Amino acid sequence: MILSHAPGQVALFREYDRVLLAADAVFTFDPESGRPASARVPHPFSNWHTEMARDSIRHLARLHPSAGLTAHADSLTGGDVAAQLVRAAELNPA
């Protein structure tokens, strides 16, 4: 699977507690300001292919994670993490 940041990037999923290590598949910050933001597709300057990035996020949502740990900002926790990922896939990057 190709994830958003670069060809060959992987995400790791631990089934027994449903924890997702999403790396850069999802941004939880605004890359222009550096401030926290809702989960979103990585900005076009840092993703290889935006539509593939969206597909990757949707794929990760289908795992129904209990938490999503990201590489550079806040983790996705609380509530329905899968729903947060689905919304992220629909948001415009940036």
Protein backbone atom coordinates (compact mmCIF):
# COMPACT_ATOMS: atom_id res chain seq x y z
CA MET A 1 0.00 0.00 0.00
CA ILE A 2 1.26 3.49 -0.79
CA LEU A 3 0.55 6.00 1.92
CA SER A 4 0.52 9.72 1.52
CA HIS A 5 3.95 10.91 2.51
CA ALA A 6 6.05 8.91 0.08
CA PRO A 7 5.98 5.69 -1.91
CA GLY A 8 6.56 2.73 0.36
CA GLN A 9 5.73 4.46 3.62
CA VAL A 10 3.94 2.16 6.02
CA ALA A 11 1.53 2.46 8.90
CA LEU A 12 1.54 -0.13 11.67
CA PHE A 13 -1.57 -1.53 13.33
CA ARG A 14 -1.58 -3.57 16.53
CA GLU A 15 -4.70 -5.69 16.48
CA TYR A 16 -5.01 -6.64 20.14
CA ASP A 17 -5.59 -3.06 21.31
CA ARG A 18 -6.34 -1.55 17.88
CA VAL A 19 -3.59 1.09 18.07
CA LEU A 20 -2.57 2.60 14.73
CA LEU A 21 0.85 4.13 14.17
CA ALA A 22 -0.14 6.33 11.25
CA ALA A 23 3.17 8.15 10.76
CA ASP A 24 2.59 10.91 8.17
CA ALA A 25 -0.54 9.41 6.61
CA VAL A 26 -2.61 12.01 8.47
CA PHE A 27 -1.70 15.53 9.55
CA THR A 28 -3.16 16.90 12.79
CA PHE A 29 -1.64 20.34 12.38
CA ASP A 30 -1.76 23.19 9.92
CA PRO A 31 1.59 23.00 8.10
CA GLU A 32 1.53 26.70 7.27
CA SER A 33 1.07 27.91 10.85
CA GLY A 34 2.33 24.88 12.77
CA ARG A 35 -0.76 25.06 14.97
CA PRO A 36 -2.88 22.04 15.92
CA ALA A 37 -5.78 21.37 13.55
CA SER A 38 -8.33 18.69 12.85
CA ALA A 39 -7.05 15.58 11.13
CA ARG A 40 -6.54 16.10 7.41
CA VAL A 41 -4.82 14.87 4.29
CA PRO A 42 -1.17 15.93 4.30
CA HIS A 43 -0.52 19.18 2.46
CA PRO A 44 0.27 18.75 -1.27
CA PHE A 45 3.85 19.89 -0.71
CA SER A 46 4.40 16.81 1.44
CA ASN A 47 2.29 14.10 -0.12
CA TRP A 48 3.13 12.11 -3.18
CA HIS A 49 -0.41 11.92 -4.61
CA THR A 50 -3.40 13.50 -2.86
CA GLU A 51 -6.05 11.05 -4.07
CA MET A 52 -3.89 8.10 -3.05
CA ALA A 53 -3.41 9.79 0.31
CA ARG A 54 -7.20 10.02 0.71
CA ASP A 55 -7.57 6.34 -0.21
CA SER A 56 -4.90 5.39 2.32
CA ILE A 57 -6.66 7.29 5.09
CA ARG A 58 -9.95 5.59 4.22
CA HIS A 59 -8.18 2.23 4.33
CA LEU A 60 -6.82 3.03 7.79
CA ALA A 61 -10.32 4.04 8.95
CA ARG A 62 -11.62 0.59 8.00
CA LEU A 63 -9.31 -0.88 10.65
CA HIS A 64 -11.47 0.87 13.31
CA PRO A 65 -8.50 1.95 15.43
CA SER A 66 -8.91 2.87 19.08
CA ALA A 67 -6.16 5.50 18.70
CA GLY A 68 -4.13 6.91 15.83
CA LEU A 69 -0.62 8.07 16.61
CA THR A 70 0.83 10.54 14.13
CA ALA A 71 4.42 11.50 13.43
CA HIS A 72 4.53 15.21 14.22
CA ALA A 73 1.49 16.40 16.14
CA ASP A 74 -1.49 15.37 18.22
CA SER A 75 -2.75 11.82 18.16
CA LEU A 76 -6.27 10.83 17.23
CA THR A 77 -7.95 9.63 20.40
CA GLY A 78 -11.31 9.70 22.11
CA GLY A 79 -14.59 9.13 20.41
CA ASP A 80 -14.70 7.41 17.07
CA VAL A 81 -11.20 7.48 15.58
CA ALA A 82 -12.43 5.81 12.38
CA ALA A 83 -14.95 8.64 11.88
CA GLN A 84 -12.17 11.19 12.43
CA LEU A 85 -10.14 9.47 9.72
CA VAL A 86 -13.09 9.39 7.30
CA ARG A 87 -13.59 13.15 7.83
CA ALA A 88 -9.86 13.71 7.37
CA ALA A 89 -9.94 11.97 3.99
CA GLU A 90 -12.62 14.39 2.81
CA LEU A 91 -10.96 17.63 3.99
CA ASN A 92 -8.88 19.62 1.58
CA PRO A 93 -5.21 19.48 2.48
CA ALA A 94 -3.70 22.68 3.87
